[in-house]
Amino acid sequence: MAGALKCFAPLFDRVLVQRFAVETKTKGGLLIPEKSQGKVLDAKVVAVGPGMHSSKGDLIPVNVSVGDRVILPEYGGTKVVLDEQEYFLFRNQDILGKIQQ
């Protein structure tokens, strides 16, 4: 995983994230059927591009950094498979929020 991930660098304001695993059990220990499992909307940032340039040529940095936990939209993003691991590529402006820890 680390080898291919080190070789991949997002361009412009793109952010590469890895979604967290879907919960298959409730806190009480009951199994959740696959059809009832919701889509995971939070993810960990694993790579960040340098940012976009404004019309004046100034660099506008990305709002998140590697290791941040973010909230994503339900739909969108580009699926990327690196070393048999699933990642998603989003634009900085598509990320809905950052979870403070």
PDB file of N, CA and C in Angstrom:
ATOM      1  N   MET A   1       0.819  -1.185   0.000  1.00  0.00           N
ATOM      2  CA  MET A   1       0.000   0.000   0.000  1.00  0.00           C
ATOM      3  C   MET A   1       0.863   1.249   0.000  1.00  0.00           C
ATOM      4  N   ALA A   2       1.852   1.310   0.825  1.00  0.00           N
ATOM      5  CA  ALA A   2       2.657   2.514   0.962  1.00  0.00           C
ATOM      6  C   ALA A   2       3.449   2.807  -0.302  1.00  0.00           C
ATOM      7  N   GLY A   3       3.887   1.770  -1.029  1.00  0.00           N
ATOM      8  CA  GLY A   3       4.693   1.978  -2.226  1.00  0.00           C
ATOM      9  C   GLY A   3       3.948   2.724  -3.312  1.00  0.00           C
ATOM     10  N   ALA A   4       2.758   2.268  -3.658  1.00  0.00           N
ATOM     11  CA  ALA A   4       1.974   2.913  -4.709  1.00  0.00           C
ATOM     12  C   ALA A   4       1.450   4.259  -4.246  1.00  0.00           C
ATOM     13  N   LEU A   5       1.146   4.363  -2.968  1.00  0.00           N
ATOM     14  CA  LEU A   5       0.622   5.613  -2.441  1.00  0.00           C
ATOM     15  C   LEU A   5       1.682   6.704  -2.463  1.00  0.00           C
ATOM     16  N   LYS A   6       2.941   6.339  -2.245  1.00  0.00           N
ATOM     17  CA  LYS A   6       4.024   7.317  -2.317  1.00  0.00           C
ATOM     18  C   LYS A   6       4.240   7.800  -3.744  1.00  0.00           C
ATOM     19  N   CYS A   7       3.928   6.976  -4.719  1.00  0.00           N
ATOM     20  CA  CYS A   7       4.118   7.335  -6.123  1.00  0.00           C
ATOM     21  C   CYS A   7       2.985   8.209  -6.654  1.00  0.00           C
ATOM     22  N   PHE A   8       1.866   8.277  -5.949  1.00  0.00           N
ATOM     23  CA  PHE A   8       0.704   9.021  -6.420  1.00  0.00           C
ATOM     24  C   PHE A   8       0.655  10.382  -5.740  1.00  0.00           C
ATOM     25  N   ALA A   9       0.622  11.442  -6.538  1.00  0.00           N
ATOM     26  CA  ALA A   9       0.511  12.802  -6.006  1.00  0.00           C
ATOM     27  C   ALA A   9      -0.647  13.500  -6.712  1.00  0.00           C
ATOM     28  N   PRO A  10      -1.702  13.882  -5.974  1.00  0.00           N
ATOM     29  CA  PRO A  10      -2.825  14.593  -6.595  1.00  0.00           C
ATOM     30  C   PRO A  10      -2.376  15.935  -7.167  1.00  0.00           C
ATOM     31  N   LEU A  11      -3.012  16.349  -8.242  1.00  0.00           N
ATOM     32  CA  LEU A  11      -2.697  17.625  -8.873  1.00  0.00           C
ATOM     33  C   LEU A  11      -3.685  18.706  -8.421  1.00  0.00           C
ATOM     34  N   PHE A  12      -3.249  19.940  -8.491  1.00  0.00           N
ATOM     35  CA  PHE A  12      -4.060  21.121  -8.206  1.00  0.00           C
ATOM     36  C   PHE A  12      -4.725  21.017  -6.833  1.00  0.00           C
ATOM     37  N   ASP A  13      -6.043  21.149  -6.770  1.00  0.00           N
ATOM     38  CA  ASP A  13      -6.741  21.156  -5.475  1.00  0.00           C
ATOM     39  C   ASP A  13      -7.395  19.811  -5.183  1.00  0.00           C
ATOM     40  N   ARG A  14      -6.845  18.748  -5.719  1.00  0.00           N
ATOM     41  CA  ARG A  14      -7.413  17.411  -5.501  1.00  0.00           C
ATOM     42  C   ARG A  14      -6.944  16.840  -4.162  1.00  0.00           C
ATOM     43  N   VAL A  15      -7.829  16.038  -3.557  1.00  0.00           N
ATOM     44  CA  VAL A  15      -7.550  15.407  -2.270  1.00  0.00           C
ATOM     45  C   VAL A  15      -7.860  13.926  -2.395  1.00  0.00           C
ATOM     46  N   LEU A  16      -6.901  13.068  -2.049  1.00  0.00           N
ATOM     47  CA  LEU A  16      -7.093  11.616  -2.087  1.00  0.00           C
ATOM     48  C   LEU A  16      -7.486  11.156  -0.692  1.00  0.00           C
ATOM     49  N   VAL A  17      -8.629  10.454  -0.598  1.00  0.00           N
ATOM     50  CA  VAL A  17      -9.134  10.002   0.700  1.00  0.00           C
ATOM     51  C   VAL A  17      -9.395   8.502   0.671  1.00  0.00           C
ATOM     52  N   GLN A  18      -9.402   7.912   1.858  1.00  0.00           N
ATOM     53  CA  GLN A  18      -9.777   6.509   2.011  1.00  0.00           C
ATOM     54  C   GLN A  18     -10.958   6.473   2.974  1.00  0.00           C
ATOM     55  N   ARG A  19     -12.084   5.971   2.456  1.00  0.00           N
ATOM     56  CA  ARG A  19     -13.296   5.909   3.279  1.00  0.00           C
ATOM     57  C   ARG A  19     -13.115   4.891   4.395  1.00  0.00           C
ATOM     58  N   PHE A  20     -13.746   5.158   5.531  1.00  0.00           N
ATOM     59  CA  PHE A  20     -13.715   4.221   6.648  1.00  0.00           C
ATOM     60  C   PHE A  20     -14.613   3.034   6.336  1.00  0.00           C
ATOM     61  N   ALA A  21     -14.388   1.910   6.993  1.00  0.00           N
ATOM     62  CA  ALA A  21     -15.168   0.688   6.753  1.00  0.00           C
ATOM     63  C   ALA A  21     -16.604   0.875   7.230  1.00  0.00           C
ATOM     64  N   VAL A  22     -17.508   0.201   6.556  1.00  0.00           N
ATOM     65  CA  VAL A  22     -18.927   0.238   6.899  1.00  0.00           C
ATOM     66  C   VAL A  22     -19.150  -0.556   8.178  1.00  0.00           C
ATOM     67  N   GLU A  23     -19.955  -0.011   9.068  1.00  0.00           N
ATOM     68  CA  GLU A  23     -20.295  -0.714  10.305  1.00  0.00           C
ATOM     69  C   GLU A  23     -21.225  -1.870   9.974  1.00  0.00           C
ATOM     70  N   THR A  24     -20.857  -3.086  10.364  1.00  0.00           N
ATOM     71  CA  THR A  24     -21.686  -4.254  10.078  1.00  0.00           C
ATOM     72  C   THR A  24     -22.416  -4.760  11.311  1.00  0.00           C
ATOM     73  N   LYS A  25     -22.102  -4.194  12.478  1.00  0.00           N
ATOM     74  CA  LYS A  25     -22.761  -4.566  13.724  1.00  0.00           C
ATOM     75  C   LYS A  25     -23.201  -3.317  14.468  1.00  0.00           C
ATOM     76  N   THR A  26     -24.294  -3.438  15.204  1.00  0.00           N
ATOM     77  CA  THR A  26     -24.728  -2.343  16.065  1.00  0.00           C
ATOM     78  C   THR A  26     -23.923  -2.393  17.355  1.00  0.00           C
ATOM     79  N   LYS A  27     -24.080  -1.385  18.179  1.00  0.00           N
ATOM     80  CA  LYS A  27     -23.369  -1.373  19.467  1.00  0.00           C
ATOM     81  C   LYS A  27     -23.832  -2.518  20.356  1.00  0.00           C
ATOM     82  N   GLY A  28     -25.078  -2.972  20.137  1.00  0.00           N
ATOM     83  CA  GLY A  28     -25.610  -4.088  20.907  1.00  0.00           C
ATOM     84  C   GLY A  28     -25.182  -5.446  20.388  1.00  0.00           C
ATOM     85  N   GLY A  29     -24.491  -5.485  19.237  1.00  0.00           N
ATOM     86  CA  GLY A  29     -23.981  -6.734  18.694  1.00  0.00           C
ATOM     87  C   GLY A  29     -24.823  -7.346  17.592  1.00  0.00           C
ATOM     88  N   LEU A  30     -25.920  -6.678  17.183  1.00  0.00           N
ATOM     89  CA  LEU A  30     -26.754  -7.210  16.106  1.00  0.00           C
ATOM     90  C   LEU A  30     -26.096  -6.946  14.754  1.00  0.00           C
ATOM     91  N   LEU A  31     -26.196  -7.913  13.857  1.00  0.00           N
ATOM     92  CA  LEU A  31     -25.662  -7.743  12.512  1.00  0.00           C
ATOM     93  C   LEU A  31     -26.606  -6.889  11.678  1.00  0.00           C
ATOM     94  N   ILE A  32     -26.054  -5.967  10.920  1.00  0.00           N
ATOM     95  CA  ILE A  32     -26.851  -5.102  10.058  1.00  0.00           C
ATOM     96  C   ILE A  32     -26.860  -5.707   8.659  1.00  0.00           C
ATOM     97  N   PRO A  33     -28.057  -5.915   8.056  1.00  0.00           N
ATOM     98  CA  PRO A  33     -28.114  -6.457   6.693  1.00  0.00           C
ATOM     99  C   PRO A  33     -27.423  -5.510   5.708  1.00  0.00           C
ATOM    100  N   GLU A  34     -26.876  -6.065   4.642  1.00  0.00           N
ATOM    101  CA  GLU A  34     -26.124  -5.276   3.668  1.00  0.00           C
ATOM    102  C   GLU A  34     -26.969  -4.177   3.039  1.00  0.00           C
ATOM    103  N   LYS A  35     -28.242  -4.448   2.790  1.00  0.00           N
ATOM    104  CA  LYS A  35     -29.120  -3.445   2.172  1.00  0.00           C
ATOM    105  C   LYS A  35     -29.411  -2.283   3.109  1.00  0.00           C
ATOM    106  N   SER A  36     -29.327  -2.522   4.399  1.00  0.00           N
ATOM    107  CA  SER A  36     -29.625  -1.476   5.385  1.00  0.00           C
ATOM    108  C   SER A  36     -28.396  -0.650   5.750  1.00  0.00           C
ATOM    109  N   GLN A  37     -27.228  -1.091   5.344  1.00  0.00           N
ATOM    110  CA  GLN A  37     -26.009  -0.358   5.670  1.00  0.00           C
ATOM    111  C   GLN A  37     -25.945   0.909   4.830  1.00  0.00           C
ATOM    112  N   GLY A  38     -25.708   2.017   5.478  1.00  0.00           N
ATOM    113  CA  GLY A  38     -25.602   3.281   4.772  1.00  0.00           C
ATOM    114  C   GLY A  38     -24.221   3.451   4.155  1.00  0.00           C
ATOM    115  N   LYS A  39     -24.128   4.430   3.267  1.00  0.00           N
ATOM    116  CA  LYS A  39     -22.846   4.734   2.657  1.00  0.00           C
ATOM    117  C   LYS A  39     -21.993   5.512   3.655  1.00  0.00           C
ATOM    118  N   VAL A  40     -20.737   5.175   3.741  1.00  0.00           N
ATOM    119  CA  VAL A  40     -19.836   5.848   4.678  1.00  0.00           C
ATOM    120  C   VAL A  40     -19.489   7.226   4.106  1.00  0.00           C
ATOM    121  N   LEU A  41     -19.769   8.261   4.893  1.00  0.00           N
ATOM    122  CA  LEU A  41     -19.549   9.620   4.420  1.00  0.00           C
ATOM    123  C   LEU A  41     -18.313  10.273   5.016  1.00  0.00           C
ATOM    124  N   ASP A  42     -17.620   9.578   5.908  1.00  0.00           N
ATOM    125  CA  ASP A  42     -16.401  10.166   6.450  1.00  0.00           C
ATOM    126  C   ASP A  42     -15.194   9.342   6.013  1.00  0.00           C
ATOM    127  N   ALA A  43     -14.073  10.044   5.897  1.00  0.00           N
ATOM    128  CA  ALA A  43     -12.874   9.410   5.347  1.00  0.00           C
ATOM    129  C   ALA A  43     -11.632  10.077   5.929  1.00  0.00           C
ATOM    130  N   LYS A  44     -10.503   9.423   5.702  1.00  0.00           N
ATOM    131  CA  LYS A  44      -9.205   9.942   6.137  1.00  0.00           C
ATOM    132  C   LYS A  44      -8.448  10.450   4.916  1.00  0.00           C
ATOM    133  N   VAL A  45      -7.875  11.627   5.020  1.00  0.00           N
ATOM    134  CA  VAL A  45      -7.092  12.211   3.923  1.00  0.00           C
ATOM    135  C   VAL A  45      -5.731  11.522   3.889  1.00  0.00           C
ATOM    136  N   VAL A  46      -5.355  10.986   2.718  1.00  0.00           N
ATOM    137  CA  VAL A  46      -4.072  10.295   2.597  1.00  0.00           C
ATOM    138  C   VAL A  46      -3.077  11.034   1.699  1.00  0.00           C
ATOM    139  N   ALA A  47      -3.562  11.937   0.845  1.00  0.00           N
ATOM    140  CA  ALA A  47      -2.662  12.736  -0.008  1.00  0.00           C
ATOM    141  C   ALA A  47      -3.388  14.013  -0.428  1.00  0.00           C
ATOM    142  N   VAL A  48      -2.625  15.097  -0.586  1.00  0.00           N
ATOM    143  CA  VAL A  48      -3.202  16.401  -0.906  1.00  0.00           C
ATOM    144  C   VAL A  48      -2.370  17.053  -1.997  1.00  0.00           C
ATOM    145  N   GLY A  49      -3.052  17.683  -2.952  1.00  0.00           N
ATOM    146  CA  GLY A  49      -2.369  18.435  -3.996  1.00  0.00           C
ATOM    147  C   GLY A  49      -1.893  19.784  -3.462  1.00  0.00           C
ATOM    148  N   PRO A  50      -1.108  20.525  -4.245  1.00  0.00           N
ATOM    149  CA  PRO A  50      -0.550  21.795  -3.777  1.00  0.00           C
ATOM    150  C   PRO A  50      -1.575  22.925  -3.668  1.00  0.00           C
ATOM    151  N   GLY A  51      -2.666  22.867  -4.429  1.00  0.00           N
ATOM    152  CA  GLY A  51      -3.675  23.925  -4.420  1.00  0.00           C
ATOM    153  C   GLY A  51      -3.877  24.489  -5.813  1.00  0.00           C
ATOM    154  N   MET A  52      -4.778  25.456  -5.916  1.00  0.00           N
ATOM    155  CA  MET A  52      -5.088  26.098  -7.200  1.00  0.00           C
ATOM    156  C   MET A  52      -4.471  27.483  -7.250  1.00  0.00           C
ATOM    157  N   HIS A  53      -4.310  27.983  -8.458  1.00  0.00           N
ATOM    158  CA  HIS A  53      -3.821  29.346  -8.644  1.00  0.00           C
ATOM    159  C   HIS A  53      -5.006  30.251  -8.971  1.00  0.00           C
ATOM    160  N   SER A  54      -5.047  31.423  -8.335  1.00  0.00           N
ATOM    161  CA  SER A  54      -6.107  32.387  -8.608  1.00  0.00           C
ATOM    162  C   SER A  54      -5.843  33.059  -9.953  1.00  0.00           C
ATOM    163  N   SER A  55      -6.771  33.906 -10.380  1.00  0.00           N
ATOM    164  CA  SER A  55      -6.592  34.612 -11.649  1.00  0.00           C
ATOM    165  C   SER A  55      -5.401  35.578 -11.599  1.00  0.00           C
ATOM    166  N   LYS A  56      -5.007  35.981 -10.398  1.00  0.00           N
ATOM    167  CA  LYS A  56      -3.843  36.867 -10.232  1.00  0.00           C
ATOM    168  C   LYS A  56      -2.542  36.079 -10.141  1.00  0.00           C
ATOM    169  N   GLY A  57      -2.640  34.739 -10.080  1.00  0.00           N
ATOM    170  CA  GLY A  57      -1.447  33.913  -9.999  1.00  0.00           C
ATOM    171  C   GLY A  57      -1.061  33.497  -8.594  1.00  0.00           C
ATOM    172  N   ASP A  58      -1.849  33.915  -7.599  1.00  0.00           N
ATOM    173  CA  ASP A  58      -1.565  33.538  -6.207  1.00  0.00           C
ATOM    174  C   ASP A  58      -1.998  32.093  -5.967  1.00  0.00           C
ATOM    175  N   LEU A  59      -1.233  31.377  -5.158  1.00  0.00           N
ATOM    176  CA  LEU A  59      -1.563  29.997  -4.820  1.00  0.00           C
ATOM    177  C   LEU A  59      -2.609  29.977  -3.708  1.00  0.00           C
ATOM    178  N   ILE A  60      -3.715  29.285  -3.969  1.00  0.00           N
ATOM    179  CA  ILE A  60      -4.765  29.101  -2.962  1.00  0.00           C
ATOM    180  C   ILE A  60      -4.584  27.698  -2.407  1.00  0.00           C
ATOM    181  N   PRO A  61      -4.121  27.563  -1.151  1.00  0.00           N
ATOM    182  CA  PRO A  61      -3.825  26.233  -0.599  1.00  0.00           C
ATOM    183  C   PRO A  61      -5.093  25.425  -0.323  1.00  0.00           C
ATOM    184  N   VAL A  62      -4.923  24.121  -0.210  1.00  0.00           N
ATOM    185  CA  VAL A  62      -6.014  23.209   0.105  1.00  0.00           C
ATOM    186  C   VAL A  62      -6.334  23.349   1.599  1.00  0.00           C
ATOM    187  N   ASN A  63      -7.612  23.212   1.962  1.00  0.00           N
ATOM    188  CA  ASN A  63      -8.054  23.434   3.337  1.00  0.00           C
ATOM    189  C   ASN A  63      -7.778  22.282   4.289  1.00  0.00           C
ATOM    190  N   VAL A  64      -7.415  21.116   3.771  1.00  0.00           N
ATOM    191  CA  VAL A  64      -7.174  19.949   4.623  1.00  0.00           C
ATOM    192  C   VAL A  64      -5.731  19.493   4.465  1.00  0.00           C
ATOM    193  N   SER A  65      -5.282  18.673   5.399  1.00  0.00           N
ATOM    194  CA  SER A  65      -3.935  18.124   5.305  1.00  0.00           C
ATOM    195  C   SER A  65      -3.994  16.617   5.532  1.00  0.00           C
ATOM    196  N   VAL A  66      -2.904  15.947   5.237  1.00  0.00           N
ATOM    197  CA  VAL A  66      -2.828  14.490   5.370  1.00  0.00           C
ATOM    198  C   VAL A  66      -3.100  14.103   6.830  1.00  0.00           C
ATOM    199  N   GLY A  67      -3.971  13.109   7.006  1.00  0.00           N
ATOM    200  CA  GLY A  67      -4.322  12.637   8.337  1.00  0.00           C
ATOM    201  C   GLY A  67      -5.626  13.202   8.863  1.00  0.00           C
ATOM    202  N   ASP A  68      -6.151  14.264   8.239  1.00  0.00           N
ATOM    203  CA  ASP A  68      -7.421  14.845   8.676  1.00  0.00           C
ATOM    204  C   ASP A  68      -8.573  13.891   8.403  1.00  0.00           C
ATOM    205  N   ARG A  69      -9.603  13.976   9.250  1.00  0.00           N
ATOM    206  CA  ARG A  69     -10.832  13.201   9.037  1.00  0.00           C
ATOM    207  C   ARG A  69     -11.858  14.174   8.464  1.00  0.00           C
ATOM    208  N   VAL A  70     -12.436  13.827   7.300  1.00  0.00           N
ATOM    209  CA  VAL A  70     -13.324  14.735   6.588  1.00  0.00           C
ATOM    210  C   VAL A  70     -14.677  14.092   6.321  1.00  0.00           C
ATOM    211  N   ILE A  71     -15.681  14.945   6.068  1.00  0.00           N
ATOM    212  CA  ILE A  71     -17.017  14.515   5.682  1.00  0.00           C
ATOM    213  C   ILE A  71     -17.149  14.746   4.183  1.00  0.00           C
ATOM    214  N   LEU A  72     -17.634  13.710   3.477  1.00  0.00           N
ATOM    215  CA  LEU A  72     -17.743  13.755   2.022  1.00  0.00           C
ATOM    216  C   LEU A  72     -19.201  13.780   1.583  1.00  0.00           C
ATOM    217  N   PRO A  73     -19.475  14.243   0.361  1.00  0.00           N
ATOM    218  CA  PRO A  73     -20.833  14.142  -0.162  1.00  0.00           C
ATOM    219  C   PRO A  73     -21.177  12.682  -0.437  1.00  0.00           C
ATOM    220  N   GLU A  74     -22.475  12.388  -0.495  1.00  0.00           N
ATOM    221  CA  GLU A  74     -22.898  11.005  -0.708  1.00  0.00           C
ATOM    222  C   GLU A  74     -22.465  10.498  -2.084  1.00  0.00           C
ATOM    223  N   TYR A  75     -22.529  11.361  -3.064  1.00  0.00           N
ATOM    224  CA  TYR A  75     -22.147  10.973  -4.425  1.00  0.00           C
ATOM    225  C   TYR A  75     -21.007  11.862  -4.894  1.00  0.00           C
ATOM    226  N   GLY A  76     -20.218  11.355  -5.825  1.00  0.00           N
ATOM    227  CA  GLY A  76     -19.130  12.145  -6.377  1.00  0.00           C
ATOM    228  C   GLY A  76     -17.784  11.510  -6.093  1.00  0.00           C
ATOM    229  N   GLY A  77     -16.760  12.157  -6.564  1.00  0.00           N
ATOM    230  CA  GLY A  77     -15.412  11.641  -6.391  1.00  0.00           C
ATOM    231  C   GLY A  77     -15.065  10.639  -7.479  1.00  0.00           C
ATOM    232  N   THR A  78     -13.802  10.430  -7.670  1.00  0.00           N
ATOM    233  CA  THR A  78     -13.304   9.474  -8.663  1.00  0.00           C
ATOM    234  C   THR A  78     -12.630   8.329  -7.929  1.00  0.00           C
ATOM    235  N   LYS A  79     -13.068   7.116  -8.233  1.00  0.00           N
ATOM    236  CA  LYS A  79     -12.508   5.933  -7.582  1.00  0.00           C
ATOM    237  C   LYS A  79     -11.132   5.638  -8.159  1.00  0.00           C
ATOM    238  N   VAL A  80     -10.158   5.425  -7.267  1.00  0.00           N
ATOM    239  CA  VAL A  80      -8.790   5.100  -7.652  1.00  0.00           C
ATOM    240  C   VAL A  80      -8.382   3.851  -6.874  1.00  0.00           C
ATOM    241  N   VAL A  81      -7.844   2.852  -7.570  1.00  0.00           N
ATOM    242  CA  VAL A  81      -7.385   1.631  -6.911  1.00  0.00           C
ATOM    243  C   VAL A  81      -5.861   1.594  -6.977  1.00  0.00           C
ATOM    244  N   LEU A  82      -5.226   1.573  -5.801  1.00  0.00           N
ATOM    245  CA  LEU A  82      -3.769   1.498  -5.695  1.00  0.00           C
ATOM    246  C   LEU A  82      -3.429   0.320  -4.799  1.00  0.00           C
ATOM    247  N   ASP A  83      -2.658  -0.624  -5.302  1.00  0.00           N
ATOM    248  CA  ASP A  83      -2.278  -1.821  -4.545  1.00  0.00           C
ATOM    249  C   ASP A  83      -3.483  -2.520  -3.930  1.00  0.00           C
ATOM    250  N   GLU A  84      -4.526  -2.681  -4.715  1.00  0.00           N
ATOM    251  CA  GLU A  84      -5.762  -3.371  -4.326  1.00  0.00           C
ATOM    252  C   GLU A  84      -6.507  -2.674  -3.194  1.00  0.00           C
ATOM    253  N   GLN A  85      -6.199  -1.420  -2.904  1.00  0.00           N
ATOM    254  CA  GLN A  85      -6.915  -0.613  -1.920  1.00  0.00           C
ATOM    255  C   GLN A  85      -7.733   0.429  -2.666  1.00  0.00           C
ATOM    256  N   GLU A  86      -8.955   0.678  -2.198  1.00  0.00           N
ATOM    257  CA  GLU A  86      -9.847   1.628  -2.839  1.00  0.00           C
ATOM    258  C   GLU A  86      -9.685   3.011  -2.217  1.00  0.00           C
ATOM    259  N   TYR A  87      -9.442   4.006  -3.043  1.00  0.00           N
ATOM    260  CA  TYR A  87      -9.335   5.397  -2.622  1.00  0.00           C
ATOM    261  C   TYR A  87     -10.271   6.218  -3.494  1.00  0.00           C
ATOM    262  N   PHE A  88     -10.569   7.442  -3.059  1.00  0.00           N
ATOM    263  CA  PHE A  88     -11.404   8.336  -3.839  1.00  0.00           C
ATOM    264  C   PHE A  88     -10.723   9.688  -3.940  1.00  0.00           C
ATOM    265  N   LEU A  89     -10.848  10.299  -5.105  1.00  0.00           N
ATOM    266  CA  LEU A  89     -10.227  11.586  -5.387  1.00  0.00           C
ATOM    267  C   LEU A  89     -11.327  12.639  -5.467  1.00  0.00           C
ATOM    268  N   PHE A  90     -11.248  13.662  -4.614  1.00  0.00           N
ATOM    269  CA  PHE A  90     -12.231  14.738  -4.572  1.00  0.00           C
ATOM    270  C   PHE A  90     -11.531  16.074  -4.769  1.00  0.00           C
ATOM    271  N   ARG A  91     -12.279  17.057  -5.253  1.00  0.00           N
ATOM    272  CA  ARG A  91     -11.776  18.426  -5.286  1.00  0.00           C
ATOM    273  C   ARG A  91     -11.900  19.004  -3.878  1.00  0.00           C
ATOM    274  N   ASN A  92     -11.054  19.943  -3.558  1.00  0.00           N
ATOM    275  CA  ASN A  92     -11.086  20.593  -2.256  1.00  0.00           C
ATOM    276  C   ASN A  92     -12.469  21.174  -1.960  1.00  0.00           C
ATOM    277  N   GLN A  93     -13.088  21.782  -2.955  1.00  0.00           N
ATOM    278  CA  GLN A  93     -14.391  22.428  -2.751  1.00  0.00           C
ATOM    279  C   GLN A  93     -15.529  21.434  -2.563  1.00  0.00           C
ATOM    280  N   ASP A  94     -15.323  20.161  -2.923  1.00  0.00           N
ATOM    281  CA  ASP A  94     -16.360  19.137  -2.754  1.00  0.00           C
ATOM    282  C   ASP A  94     -16.410  18.583  -1.344  1.00  0.00           C
ATOM    283  N   ILE A  95     -15.363  18.760  -0.571  1.00  0.00           N
ATOM    284  CA  ILE A  95     -15.324  18.238   0.796  1.00  0.00           C
ATOM    285  C   ILE A  95     -16.224  19.122   1.660  1.00  0.00           C
ATOM    286  N   LEU A  96     -17.139  18.473   2.384  1.00  0.00           N
ATOM    287  CA  LEU A  96     -18.154  19.212   3.134  1.00  0.00           C
ATOM    288  C   LEU A  96     -17.644  19.764   4.458  1.00  0.00           C
ATOM    289  N   GLY A  97     -16.739  19.085   5.097  1.00  0.00           N
ATOM    290  CA  GLY A  97     -16.247  19.558   6.384  1.00  0.00           C
ATOM    291  C   GLY A  97     -15.101  18.725   6.908  1.00  0.00           C
ATOM    292  N   LYS A  98     -14.497  19.241   7.973  1.00  0.00           N
ATOM    293  CA  LYS A  98     -13.379  18.558   8.626  1.00  0.00           C
ATOM    294  C   LYS A  98     -13.783  18.298  10.068  1.00  0.00           C
ATOM    295  N   ILE A  99     -13.534  17.079  10.545  1.00  0.00           N
ATOM    296  CA  ILE A  99     -13.876  16.709  11.921  1.00  0.00           C
ATOM    297  C   ILE A  99     -12.673  17.034  12.807  1.00  0.00           C
ATOM    298  N   GLN A 100     -12.901  17.891  13.792  1.00  0.00           N
ATOM    299  CA  GLN A 100     -11.844  18.271  14.729  1.00  0.00           C
ATOM    300  C   GLN A 100     -11.727  17.168  15.783  1.00  0.00           C
ATOM    301  N   GLN A 101     -10.505  16.781  16.103  1.00  0.00           N
ATOM    302  CA  GLN A 101     -10.319  15.710  17.092  1.00  0.00           C
ATOM    303  C   GLN A 101      -9.590  16.205  18.304  1.00  0.00           C
TER     304      GLN A 101
END
